[in-house]
Amino acid sequence: MSSEPRVILGIDPGTNLLGYGIVAIEGKKMETVAVGVVRLSKLTDHGEKLHHIFERISSLIQSYSVTETAIEAPFYGKNVQSMLKLGRAQGVAIAASISKGIKVYEYEPRKIKQSITGNGNASKEQVSAMLQSLLKFEEAPETTDATDAVAAAVCHYFQSNPKQFGQKKSGASGWKQFLAENPDKLRKP
C-alpha cells in the first residue's frame, strides 16, 4: 500500500441495523472520521431495505471520499432465513462499493477480533475498549454494530500493513509488538 492518505469504510452488515465506521489514515496517524448505524427496522419490505442500504453506502463513499471498504463476513447461524437476509444486505453493501470503484475486503469476525485485541474469541466489550484506546473516541459509538464496523476498518488497516505492525505476511498477530513499538497508542489509566 502507498503512503497516500487512505479512507477506509468499515461495514457490519445487518437488515435491521447496519453499522458503519470511517477511519482515515495519513502516514501512521489513524483517526475516526464517522461512526454510526443505518436503522432499517421501520422498513417492512426487504427490497426497500436493500435499496436503502445501497443508497446509504453509496452516499457515505461519496461524502467521505472513501478509498477502501472492509466488511465483516456473516457468521453462520442456525436460522437459514436470517442468514439469507444478512447475506443479501452484505451483497448490496459490497455492490454499492464496487459500483463506486472501491475495492472491498472481507474479514471473518474472529479475524477482526484477533487483529484488534490479539484474541479471536474476545468479547464485543473487549473490542470496543481496545478501539477506544487506539482511536480515543470523543464518545463511544451508540451500538456494537457501529463499533464492529470501526473494528472491520481498523482490522483492514492492520492486515494491509503487516510489516508496520510486526506481523508476518500471513497476517499472524503482532499486537504485543505493535504496542511495544507504539507506546503512545496505550491509554494510561
N, C-alpha and C. Protein backbone atom coordinates (compact mmCIF):
# COMPACT_ATOMS: atom_id res chain seq x y z
N MET A 1 0.84 -1.19 0.00
CA MET A 1 0.00 0.00 0.00
C MET A 1 0.88 1.25 0.00
N SER A 2 0.42 2.28 -0.67
CA SER A 2 1.19 3.52 -0.74
C SER A 2 1.03 4.33 0.53
N SER A 3 1.82 5.42 0.60
CA SER A 3 1.75 6.27 1.78
C SER A 3 0.73 7.40 1.59
N GLU A 4 -0.04 7.36 0.51
CA GLU A 4 -1.09 8.35 0.29
C GLU A 4 -2.17 8.19 1.35
N PRO A 5 -2.88 9.28 1.67
CA PRO A 5 -3.96 9.18 2.65
C PRO A 5 -4.98 8.13 2.22
N ARG A 6 -5.48 7.40 3.20
CA ARG A 6 -6.47 6.35 2.96
C ARG A 6 -7.70 6.65 3.80
N VAL A 7 -8.85 6.33 3.26
CA VAL A 7 -10.10 6.45 3.99
C VAL A 7 -10.81 5.11 3.86
N ILE A 8 -10.92 4.40 4.98
CA ILE A 8 -11.48 3.05 4.98
C ILE A 8 -12.88 3.07 5.58
N LEU A 9 -13.83 2.55 4.82
CA LEU A 9 -15.20 2.38 5.29
C LEU A 9 -15.34 0.97 5.83
N GLY A 10 -15.64 0.84 7.11
CA GLY A 10 -15.90 -0.46 7.71
C GLY A 10 -17.40 -0.65 7.79
N ILE A 11 -17.85 -1.87 7.49
CA ILE A 11 -19.29 -2.16 7.50
C ILE A 11 -19.56 -3.43 8.30
N ASP A 12 -20.53 -3.33 9.21
CA ASP A 12 -21.08 -4.50 9.90
C ASP A 12 -22.49 -4.67 9.34
N PRO A 13 -22.66 -5.58 8.37
CA PRO A 13 -23.95 -5.66 7.67
C PRO A 13 -25.07 -6.16 8.57
N GLY A 14 -26.26 -5.67 8.29
CA GLY A 14 -27.44 -6.10 9.02
C GLY A 14 -28.68 -5.65 8.28
N THR A 15 -29.81 -6.28 8.58
CA THR A 15 -31.05 -5.89 7.92
C THR A 15 -31.94 -5.03 8.81
N ASN A 16 -31.61 -4.94 10.08
CA ASN A 16 -32.32 -4.01 10.97
C ASN A 16 -31.42 -2.85 11.35
N LEU A 17 -30.16 -3.16 11.67
CA LEU A 17 -29.14 -2.15 11.95
C LEU A 17 -27.90 -2.51 11.15
N LEU A 18 -27.42 -1.58 10.36
CA LEU A 18 -26.18 -1.77 9.62
C LEU A 18 -25.19 -0.77 10.20
N GLY A 19 -24.11 -1.27 10.78
CA GLY A 19 -23.11 -0.39 11.36
C GLY A 19 -22.10 0.06 10.33
N TYR A 20 -21.65 1.30 10.48
CA TYR A 20 -20.57 1.78 9.62
C TYR A 20 -19.58 2.59 10.45
N GLY A 21 -18.34 2.55 10.02
CA GLY A 21 -17.28 3.32 10.65
C GLY A 21 -16.29 3.73 9.59
N ILE A 22 -15.91 5.00 9.60
CA ILE A 22 -14.98 5.50 8.60
C ILE A 22 -13.72 5.96 9.33
N VAL A 23 -12.60 5.38 8.90
CA VAL A 23 -11.31 5.64 9.52
C VAL A 23 -10.38 6.23 8.47
N ALA A 24 -9.74 7.34 8.81
CA ALA A 24 -8.78 7.98 7.91
C ALA A 24 -7.37 7.71 8.40
N ILE A 25 -6.48 7.42 7.46
CA ILE A 25 -5.09 7.14 7.79
C ILE A 25 -4.22 8.06 6.96
N GLU A 26 -3.34 8.76 7.63
CA GLU A 26 -2.35 9.59 6.95
C GLU A 26 -1.02 9.32 7.64
N GLY A 27 -0.09 8.75 6.88
CA GLY A 27 1.17 8.31 7.48
C GLY A 27 0.87 7.19 8.46
N LYS A 28 1.28 7.36 9.72
CA LYS A 28 0.99 6.37 10.76
C LYS A 28 -0.18 6.82 11.64
N LYS A 29 -0.76 7.97 11.34
CA LYS A 29 -1.85 8.51 12.14
C LYS A 29 -3.18 7.96 11.65
N MET A 30 -3.96 7.39 12.58
CA MET A 30 -5.25 6.82 12.28
C MET A 30 -6.29 7.54 13.14
N GLU A 31 -7.38 8.01 12.50
CA GLU A 31 -8.43 8.66 13.27
C GLU A 31 -9.80 8.28 12.73
N THR A 32 -10.77 8.30 13.63
CA THR A 32 -12.15 8.02 13.25
C THR A 32 -12.77 9.29 12.68
N VAL A 33 -13.37 9.15 11.50
CA VAL A 33 -14.00 10.28 10.83
C VAL A 33 -15.51 10.29 11.07
N ALA A 34 -16.13 9.12 10.99
CA ALA A 34 -17.58 9.00 11.19
C ALA A 34 -17.90 7.60 11.68
N VAL A 35 -18.88 7.53 12.55
CA VAL A 35 -19.34 6.25 13.10
C VAL A 35 -20.85 6.34 13.27
N GLY A 36 -21.55 5.28 12.90
CA GLY A 36 -22.99 5.30 13.09
C GLY A 36 -23.66 4.03 12.64
N VAL A 37 -24.97 4.09 12.61
CA VAL A 37 -25.77 2.95 12.15
C VAL A 37 -26.83 3.45 11.17
N VAL A 38 -27.19 2.57 10.27
CA VAL A 38 -28.32 2.80 9.37
C VAL A 38 -29.46 1.97 9.95
N ARG A 39 -30.50 2.66 10.40
CA ARG A 39 -31.64 1.98 11.02
C ARG A 39 -32.65 1.58 9.94
N LEU A 40 -32.92 0.29 9.88
CA LEU A 40 -33.78 -0.24 8.83
C LEU A 40 -35.03 -0.94 9.36
N SER A 41 -35.16 -1.04 10.67
CA SER A 41 -36.25 -1.83 11.26
C SER A 41 -37.64 -1.28 10.94
N LYS A 42 -37.77 0.02 10.64
CA LYS A 42 -39.09 0.59 10.33
C LYS A 42 -39.53 0.26 8.90
N LEU A 43 -38.58 -0.15 8.07
CA LEU A 43 -38.93 -0.55 6.71
C LEU A 43 -39.40 -1.99 6.73
N THR A 44 -40.55 -2.25 6.15
CA THR A 44 -41.11 -3.61 6.22
C THR A 44 -40.77 -4.45 4.99
N ASP A 45 -40.57 -3.81 3.86
CA ASP A 45 -40.26 -4.53 2.62
C ASP A 45 -38.76 -4.78 2.54
N HIS A 46 -38.37 -6.04 2.35
CA HIS A 46 -36.94 -6.38 2.32
C HIS A 46 -36.23 -5.70 1.14
N GLY A 47 -36.89 -5.62 0.00
CA GLY A 47 -36.30 -4.95 -1.15
C GLY A 47 -36.04 -3.48 -0.88
N GLU A 48 -36.95 -2.85 -0.15
CA GLU A 48 -36.79 -1.45 0.23
C GLU A 48 -35.59 -1.28 1.16
N LYS A 49 -35.41 -2.23 2.08
CA LYS A 49 -34.24 -2.20 2.97
C LYS A 49 -32.95 -2.28 2.17
N LEU A 50 -32.91 -3.19 1.21
CA LEU A 50 -31.71 -3.37 0.39
C LEU A 50 -31.41 -2.11 -0.42
N HIS A 51 -32.46 -1.50 -0.96
CA HIS A 51 -32.28 -0.26 -1.71
C HIS A 51 -31.71 0.84 -0.80
N HIS A 52 -32.24 0.93 0.41
CA HIS A 52 -31.78 1.94 1.37
C HIS A 52 -30.30 1.70 1.73
N ILE A 53 -29.92 0.44 1.91
CA ILE A 53 -28.52 0.11 2.21
C ILE A 53 -27.62 0.58 1.06
N PHE A 54 -28.02 0.26 -0.17
CA PHE A 54 -27.23 0.65 -1.34
C PHE A 54 -27.05 2.16 -1.40
N GLU A 55 -28.15 2.88 -1.22
CA GLU A 55 -28.10 4.35 -1.30
C GLU A 55 -27.25 4.94 -0.18
N ARG A 56 -27.39 4.42 1.03
CA ARG A 56 -26.64 4.97 2.18
C ARG A 56 -25.14 4.70 2.05
N ILE A 57 -24.77 3.49 1.66
CA ILE A 57 -23.35 3.16 1.49
C ILE A 57 -22.76 4.01 0.36
N SER A 58 -23.50 4.15 -0.73
CA SER A 58 -23.03 4.98 -1.85
C SER A 58 -22.82 6.42 -1.39
N SER A 59 -23.73 6.92 -0.58
CA SER A 59 -23.64 8.29 -0.07
C SER A 59 -22.42 8.46 0.85
N LEU A 60 -22.19 7.50 1.73
CA LEU A 60 -21.02 7.56 2.62
C LEU A 60 -19.72 7.57 1.83
N ILE A 61 -19.65 6.72 0.82
CA ILE A 61 -18.44 6.64 -0.01
C ILE A 61 -18.17 7.99 -0.67
N GLN A 62 -19.21 8.58 -1.22
CA GLN A 62 -19.04 9.86 -1.90
C GLN A 62 -18.74 10.99 -0.91
N SER A 63 -19.47 11.05 0.19
CA SER A 63 -19.32 12.14 1.17
C SER A 63 -17.94 12.17 1.82
N TYR A 64 -17.37 11.00 2.07
CA TYR A 64 -16.10 10.93 2.80
C TYR A 64 -14.91 10.55 1.91
N SER A 65 -15.11 10.49 0.61
CA SER A 65 -14.03 10.14 -0.33
C SER A 65 -13.34 8.83 0.07
N VAL A 66 -14.15 7.82 0.31
CA VAL A 66 -13.65 6.50 0.74
C VAL A 66 -12.75 5.91 -0.34
N THR A 67 -11.64 5.30 0.10
CA THR A 67 -10.70 4.68 -0.84
C THR A 67 -10.75 3.15 -0.78
N GLU A 68 -11.27 2.58 0.33
CA GLU A 68 -11.33 1.13 0.51
C GLU A 68 -12.52 0.79 1.40
N THR A 69 -13.06 -0.40 1.23
CA THR A 69 -14.14 -0.87 2.09
C THR A 69 -13.73 -2.18 2.74
N ALA A 70 -13.97 -2.29 4.04
CA ALA A 70 -13.76 -3.55 4.78
C ALA A 70 -15.10 -3.94 5.36
N ILE A 71 -15.49 -5.17 5.13
CA ILE A 71 -16.81 -5.62 5.58
C ILE A 71 -16.69 -6.89 6.40
N GLU A 72 -17.48 -6.98 7.45
CA GLU A 72 -17.48 -8.19 8.27
C GLU A 72 -18.28 -9.27 7.56
N ALA A 73 -17.68 -10.44 7.43
CA ALA A 73 -18.36 -11.58 6.82
C ALA A 73 -19.42 -12.09 7.79
N PRO A 74 -20.56 -12.52 7.27
CA PRO A 74 -21.57 -13.04 8.17
C PRO A 74 -21.10 -14.34 8.81
N PHE A 75 -21.45 -14.51 10.09
CA PHE A 75 -21.13 -15.77 10.76
C PHE A 75 -22.29 -16.72 10.54
N TYR A 76 -22.00 -17.99 10.63
CA TYR A 76 -23.02 -18.99 10.35
C TYR A 76 -23.90 -19.22 11.56
N GLY A 77 -25.18 -19.05 11.37
CA GLY A 77 -26.14 -19.26 12.44
C GLY A 77 -27.07 -20.41 12.11
N LYS A 78 -28.00 -20.65 12.99
CA LYS A 78 -28.94 -21.76 12.81
C LYS A 78 -30.14 -21.36 11.97
N ASN A 79 -30.49 -20.07 11.94
CA ASN A 79 -31.66 -19.62 11.22
C ASN A 79 -31.28 -19.30 9.77
N VAL A 80 -31.68 -20.17 8.86
CA VAL A 80 -31.31 -20.05 7.46
C VAL A 80 -31.89 -18.78 6.85
N GLN A 81 -33.13 -18.43 7.17
CA GLN A 81 -33.75 -17.23 6.62
C GLN A 81 -33.00 -15.97 7.04
N SER A 82 -32.58 -15.93 8.29
CA SER A 82 -31.80 -14.78 8.77
C SER A 82 -30.47 -14.68 8.04
N MET A 83 -29.84 -15.82 7.81
CA MET A 83 -28.57 -15.83 7.10
C MET A 83 -28.73 -15.35 5.66
N LEU A 84 -29.82 -15.75 5.01
CA LEU A 84 -30.06 -15.31 3.64
C LEU A 84 -30.25 -13.79 3.59
N LYS A 85 -31.03 -13.25 4.51
CA LYS A 85 -31.26 -11.81 4.54
C LYS A 85 -29.97 -11.05 4.84
N LEU A 86 -29.19 -11.57 5.77
CA LEU A 86 -27.92 -10.93 6.11
C LEU A 86 -26.96 -10.97 4.92
N GLY A 87 -26.92 -12.09 4.23
CA GLY A 87 -26.08 -12.22 3.04
C GLY A 87 -26.47 -11.25 1.94
N ARG A 88 -27.77 -11.04 1.79
CA ARG A 88 -28.24 -10.06 0.80
C ARG A 88 -27.80 -8.66 1.19
N ALA A 89 -27.94 -8.32 2.47
CA ALA A 89 -27.52 -6.99 2.95
C ALA A 89 -26.03 -6.80 2.70
N GLN A 90 -25.25 -7.83 2.98
CA GLN A 90 -23.81 -7.74 2.75
C GLN A 90 -23.52 -7.57 1.26
N GLY A 91 -24.20 -8.35 0.44
CA GLY A 91 -24.00 -8.28 -1.01
C GLY A 91 -24.32 -6.90 -1.57
N VAL A 92 -25.39 -6.29 -1.08
CA VAL A 92 -25.77 -4.96 -1.55
C VAL A 92 -24.73 -3.93 -1.11
N ALA A 93 -24.22 -4.05 0.11
CA ALA A 93 -23.18 -3.12 0.58
C ALA A 93 -21.91 -3.28 -0.27
N ILE A 94 -21.57 -4.50 -0.60
CA ILE A 94 -20.41 -4.76 -1.47
C ILE A 94 -20.66 -4.17 -2.86
N ALA A 95 -21.87 -4.38 -3.39
CA ALA A 95 -22.20 -3.86 -4.72
C ALA A 95 -22.13 -2.34 -4.75
N ALA A 96 -22.57 -1.68 -3.68
CA ALA A 96 -22.51 -0.22 -3.62
C ALA A 96 -21.06 0.25 -3.70
N SER A 97 -20.16 -0.44 -2.99
CA SER A 97 -18.74 -0.08 -3.03
C SER A 97 -18.16 -0.30 -4.42
N ILE A 98 -18.43 -1.46 -4.98
CA ILE A 98 -17.90 -1.80 -6.30
C ILE A 98 -18.42 -0.82 -7.35
N SER A 99 -19.69 -0.43 -7.23
CA SER A 99 -20.26 0.50 -8.21
C SER A 99 -19.58 1.86 -8.18
N LYS A 100 -18.92 2.19 -7.08
CA LYS A 100 -18.18 3.45 -6.95
C LYS A 100 -16.70 3.26 -7.22
N GLY A 101 -16.32 2.04 -7.66
CA GLY A 101 -14.91 1.78 -7.98
C GLY A 101 -14.04 1.52 -6.76
N ILE A 102 -14.66 1.15 -5.66
CA ILE A 102 -13.94 0.92 -4.40
C ILE A 102 -13.72 -0.58 -4.21
N LYS A 103 -12.49 -0.95 -3.93
CA LYS A 103 -12.16 -2.36 -3.67
C LYS A 103 -12.68 -2.76 -2.30
N VAL A 104 -13.20 -3.98 -2.20
CA VAL A 104 -13.81 -4.47 -0.96
C VAL A 104 -12.98 -5.63 -0.41
N TYR A 105 -12.78 -5.60 0.91
CA TYR A 105 -12.05 -6.65 1.62
C TYR A 105 -12.98 -7.21 2.68
N GLU A 106 -13.06 -8.53 2.76
CA GLU A 106 -13.96 -9.19 3.69
C GLU A 106 -13.17 -9.92 4.76
N TYR A 107 -13.62 -9.77 6.02
CA TYR A 107 -12.93 -10.39 7.15
C TYR A 107 -13.93 -11.12 8.04
N GLU A 108 -13.53 -12.31 8.45
CA GLU A 108 -14.34 -13.09 9.39
C GLU A 108 -14.35 -12.38 10.75
N PRO A 109 -15.43 -12.50 11.51
CA PRO A 109 -15.48 -11.85 12.83
C PRO A 109 -14.29 -12.23 13.72
N ARG A 110 -13.90 -13.48 13.68
CA ARG A 110 -12.77 -13.94 14.50
C ARG A 110 -11.47 -13.23 14.11
N LYS A 111 -11.27 -13.02 12.81
CA LYS A 111 -10.07 -12.34 12.32
C LYS A 111 -10.05 -10.88 12.78
N ILE A 112 -11.22 -10.25 12.76
CA ILE A 112 -11.32 -8.86 13.20
C ILE A 112 -10.97 -8.76 14.68
N LYS A 113 -11.55 -9.64 15.49
CA LYS A 113 -11.27 -9.63 16.94
C LYS A 113 -9.78 -9.89 17.20
N GLN A 114 -9.21 -10.83 16.45
CA GLN A 114 -7.79 -11.16 16.58
C GLN A 114 -6.92 -9.94 16.26
N SER A 115 -7.26 -9.23 15.20
CA SER A 115 -6.49 -8.05 14.80
C SER A 115 -6.57 -6.93 15.81
N ILE A 116 -7.72 -6.75 16.41
CA ILE A 116 -7.93 -5.62 17.32
C ILE A 116 -7.40 -5.93 18.72
N THR A 117 -7.69 -7.12 19.23
CA THR A 117 -7.36 -7.43 20.63
C THR A 117 -6.25 -8.45 20.79
N GLY A 118 -5.92 -9.18 19.73
CA GLY A 118 -4.95 -10.27 19.86
C GLY A 118 -5.62 -11.57 20.26
N ASN A 119 -6.96 -11.56 20.39
CA ASN A 119 -7.71 -12.74 20.81
C ASN A 119 -8.93 -12.88 19.91
N GLY A 120 -8.97 -13.94 19.12
CA GLY A 120 -10.09 -14.18 18.22
C GLY A 120 -11.40 -14.48 18.92
N ASN A 121 -11.34 -14.75 20.22
CA ASN A 121 -12.55 -15.03 20.99
C ASN A 121 -12.94 -13.87 21.90
N ALA A 122 -12.38 -12.69 21.66
CA ALA A 122 -12.65 -11.52 22.50
C ALA A 122 -14.13 -11.16 22.46
N SER A 123 -14.60 -10.57 23.53
CA SER A 123 -15.98 -10.10 23.58
C SER A 123 -16.10 -8.77 22.84
N LYS A 124 -17.33 -8.41 22.53
CA LYS A 124 -17.57 -7.11 21.88
C LYS A 124 -17.09 -5.97 22.78
N GLU A 125 -17.22 -6.15 24.07
CA GLU A 125 -16.78 -5.13 25.03
C GLU A 125 -15.26 -4.97 25.00
N GLN A 126 -14.53 -6.07 24.86
CA GLN A 126 -13.07 -6.01 24.78
C GLN A 126 -12.63 -5.32 23.49
N VAL A 127 -13.31 -5.62 22.39
CA VAL A 127 -13.01 -4.97 21.12
C VAL A 127 -13.26 -3.47 21.24
N SER A 128 -14.39 -3.11 21.82
CA SER A 128 -14.75 -1.70 22.00
C SER A 128 -13.72 -0.97 22.86
N ALA A 129 -13.30 -1.59 23.95
CA ALA A 129 -12.32 -0.97 24.85
C ALA A 129 -10.98 -0.76 24.13
N MET A 130 -10.56 -1.73 23.33
CA MET A 130 -9.30 -1.59 22.62
C MET A 130 -9.40 -0.49 21.56
N LEU A 131 -10.54 -0.42 20.87
CA LEU A 131 -10.73 0.65 19.88
C LEU A 131 -10.73 2.01 20.55
N GLN A 132 -11.34 2.10 21.74
CA GLN A 132 -11.34 3.35 22.48
C GLN A 132 -9.91 3.77 22.81
N SER A 133 -9.09 2.81 23.17
CA SER A 133 -7.69 3.08 23.49
C SER A 133 -6.91 3.53 22.25
N LEU A 134 -7.16 2.89 21.13
CA LEU A 134 -6.45 3.20 19.89
C LEU A 134 -6.89 4.52 19.27
N LEU A 135 -8.20 4.75 19.24
CA LEU A 135 -8.75 5.86 18.47
C LEU A 135 -9.23 7.04 19.32
N LYS A 136 -9.28 6.86 20.62
CA LYS A 136 -9.68 7.95 21.52
C LYS A 136 -11.01 8.59 21.10
N PHE A 137 -12.06 7.76 21.00
CA PHE A 137 -13.39 8.28 20.66
C PHE A 137 -13.78 9.40 21.62
N GLU A 138 -14.36 10.46 21.07
CA GLU A 138 -14.87 11.52 21.94
C GLU A 138 -16.03 10.98 22.76
N GLU A 139 -16.87 10.18 22.11
CA GLU A 139 -17.90 9.45 22.83
C GLU A 139 -18.04 8.09 22.17
N ALA A 140 -18.37 7.10 22.95
CA ALA A 140 -18.44 5.73 22.44
C ALA A 140 -19.54 5.61 21.39
N PRO A 141 -19.33 4.79 20.36
CA PRO A 141 -20.38 4.56 19.38
C PRO A 141 -21.67 4.08 20.06
N GLU A 142 -22.81 4.42 19.45
CA GLU A 142 -24.09 4.15 20.08
C GLU A 142 -24.45 2.67 20.18
N THR A 143 -23.93 1.85 19.30
CA THR A 143 -24.24 0.41 19.34
C THR A 143 -22.99 -0.40 19.02
N THR A 144 -23.05 -1.68 19.34
CA THR A 144 -21.93 -2.56 18.99
C THR A 144 -21.87 -2.77 17.48
N ASP A 145 -22.96 -2.53 16.77
CA ASP A 145 -22.93 -2.62 15.30
C ASP A 145 -21.96 -1.58 14.74
N ALA A 146 -22.01 -0.38 15.30
CA ALA A 146 -21.11 0.69 14.87
C ALA A 146 -19.67 0.36 15.26
N THR A 147 -19.48 -0.12 16.48
CA THR A 147 -18.14 -0.49 16.94
C THR A 147 -17.56 -1.61 16.07
N ASP A 148 -18.39 -2.60 15.74
CA ASP A 148 -17.93 -3.70 14.90
C ASP A 148 -17.50 -3.20 13.52
N ALA A 149 -18.18 -2.19 13.01
CA ALA A 149 -17.83 -1.62 11.71
C ALA A 149 -16.47 -0.92 11.78
N VAL A 150 -16.24 -0.15 12.85
CA VAL A 150 -14.95 0.51 13.03
C VAL A 150 -13.86 -0.56 13.14
N ALA A 151 -14.16 -1.63 13.87
CA ALA A 151 -13.20 -2.73 14.04
C ALA A 151 -12.83 -3.34 12.69
N ALA A 152 -13.81 -3.49 11.79
CA ALA A 152 -13.53 -4.04 10.46
C ALA A 152 -12.56 -3.13 9.70
N ALA A 153 -12.78 -1.81 9.79
CA ALA A 153 -11.91 -0.85 9.11
C ALA A 153 -10.49 -0.90 9.68
N VAL A 154 -10.38 -0.92 11.01
CA VAL A 154 -9.06 -0.96 11.65
C VAL A 154 -8.37 -2.29 11.36
N CYS A 155 -9.11 -3.38 11.38
CA CYS A 155 -8.56 -4.69 11.03
C CYS A 155 -7.96 -4.64 9.63
N HIS A 156 -8.69 -4.06 8.69
CA HIS A 156 -8.17 -3.98 7.33
C HIS A 156 -6.88 -3.18 7.27
N TYR A 157 -6.84 -2.09 8.00
CA TYR A 157 -5.61 -1.28 8.04
C TYR A 157 -4.44 -2.11 8.57
N PHE A 158 -4.66 -2.81 9.67
CA PHE A 158 -3.60 -3.65 10.24
C PHE A 158 -3.19 -4.77 9.27
N GLN A 159 -4.17 -5.41 8.64
CA GLN A 159 -3.88 -6.53 7.75
C GLN A 159 -3.18 -6.08 6.47
N SER A 160 -3.44 -4.85 6.04
CA SER A 160 -2.83 -4.37 4.81
C SER A 160 -1.43 -3.78 5.04
N ASN A 161 -1.01 -3.72 6.30
CA ASN A 161 0.32 -3.20 6.66
C ASN A 161 1.01 -4.15 7.63
N PRO A 162 1.18 -5.43 7.27
CA PRO A 162 1.70 -6.39 8.24
C PRO A 162 3.09 -6.07 8.78
N LYS A 163 3.96 -5.54 7.95
CA LYS A 163 5.32 -5.22 8.43
C LYS A 163 5.30 -4.08 9.44
N GLN A 164 4.46 -3.08 9.19
CA GLN A 164 4.37 -1.94 10.09
C GLN A 164 3.93 -2.35 11.49
N PHE A 165 3.11 -3.39 11.57
CA PHE A 165 2.58 -3.81 12.86
C PHE A 165 3.20 -5.09 13.37
N GLY A 166 4.37 -5.42 12.87
CA GLY A 166 5.10 -6.58 13.39
C GLY A 166 4.45 -7.90 13.06
N GLN A 167 3.69 -7.94 11.97
CA GLN A 167 3.03 -9.18 11.58
C GLN A 167 3.74 -9.79 10.39
N LYS A 168 3.65 -11.09 10.31
CA LYS A 168 4.15 -11.79 9.14
C LYS A 168 3.14 -11.57 8.03
N LYS A 169 3.55 -11.80 6.80
CA LYS A 169 2.67 -11.61 5.65
C LYS A 169 1.39 -12.45 5.78
N SER A 170 1.45 -13.53 6.53
CA SER A 170 0.28 -14.38 6.70
C SER A 170 -0.80 -13.71 7.54
N GLY A 171 -0.47 -12.59 8.16
CA GLY A 171 -1.44 -11.89 8.98
C GLY A 171 -1.40 -12.35 10.43
N ALA A 172 -0.35 -13.07 10.82
CA ALA A 172 -0.25 -13.51 12.21
C ALA A 172 -0.22 -12.30 13.13
N SER A 173 -0.79 -12.44 14.30
CA SER A 173 -0.91 -11.31 15.21
C SER A 173 0.44 -10.86 15.75
N GLY A 174 0.62 -9.56 15.76
CA GLY A 174 1.81 -8.98 16.36
C GLY A 174 1.41 -7.84 17.28
N TRP A 175 0.29 -8.01 17.96
CA TRP A 175 -0.28 -6.96 18.80
C TRP A 175 0.68 -6.50 19.89
N LYS A 176 1.28 -7.42 20.60
CA LYS A 176 2.21 -7.04 21.68
C LYS A 176 3.39 -6.26 21.12
N GLN A 177 3.88 -6.69 19.98
CA GLN A 177 5.00 -5.99 19.35
C GLN A 177 4.55 -4.59 18.90
N PHE A 178 3.36 -4.49 18.34
CA PHE A 178 2.84 -3.18 17.93
C PHE A 178 2.78 -2.22 19.11
N LEU A 179 2.27 -2.68 20.24
CA LEU A 179 2.16 -1.82 21.42
C LEU A 179 3.55 -1.45 21.95
N ALA A 180 4.48 -2.40 21.89
CA ALA A 180 5.84 -2.12 22.34
C ALA A 180 6.50 -1.05 21.46
N GLU A 181 6.21 -1.11 20.16
CA GLU A 181 6.79 -0.16 19.22
C GLU A 181 6.02 1.16 19.16
N ASN A 182 4.81 1.18 19.69
CA ASN A 182 3.95 2.37 19.62
C ASN A 182 3.37 2.67 21.00
N PRO A 183 4.19 2.99 21.99
CA PRO A 183 3.67 3.19 23.35
C PRO A 183 2.66 4.33 23.45
N ASP A 184 2.68 5.26 22.49
CA ASP A 184 1.71 6.35 22.50
C ASP A 184 0.29 5.86 22.25
N LYS A 185 0.12 4.64 21.75
CA LYS A 185 -1.21 4.08 21.49
C LYS A 185 -1.86 3.50 22.74
N LEU A 186 -1.08 3.31 23.80
CA LEU A 186 -1.62 2.79 25.05
C LEU A 186 -2.31 3.91 25.81
N ARG A 187 -3.50 3.62 26.29
CA ARG A 187 -4.21 4.61 27.09
C ARG A 187 -3.80 4.42 28.54
N LYS A 188 -3.33 5.47 29.14
CA LYS A 188 -2.90 5.43 30.54
C LYS A 188 -4.11 5.61 31.44
N PRO A 189 -4.18 4.84 32.57
CA PRO A 189 -5.33 4.97 33.46
C PRO A 189 -5.34 6.31 34.18
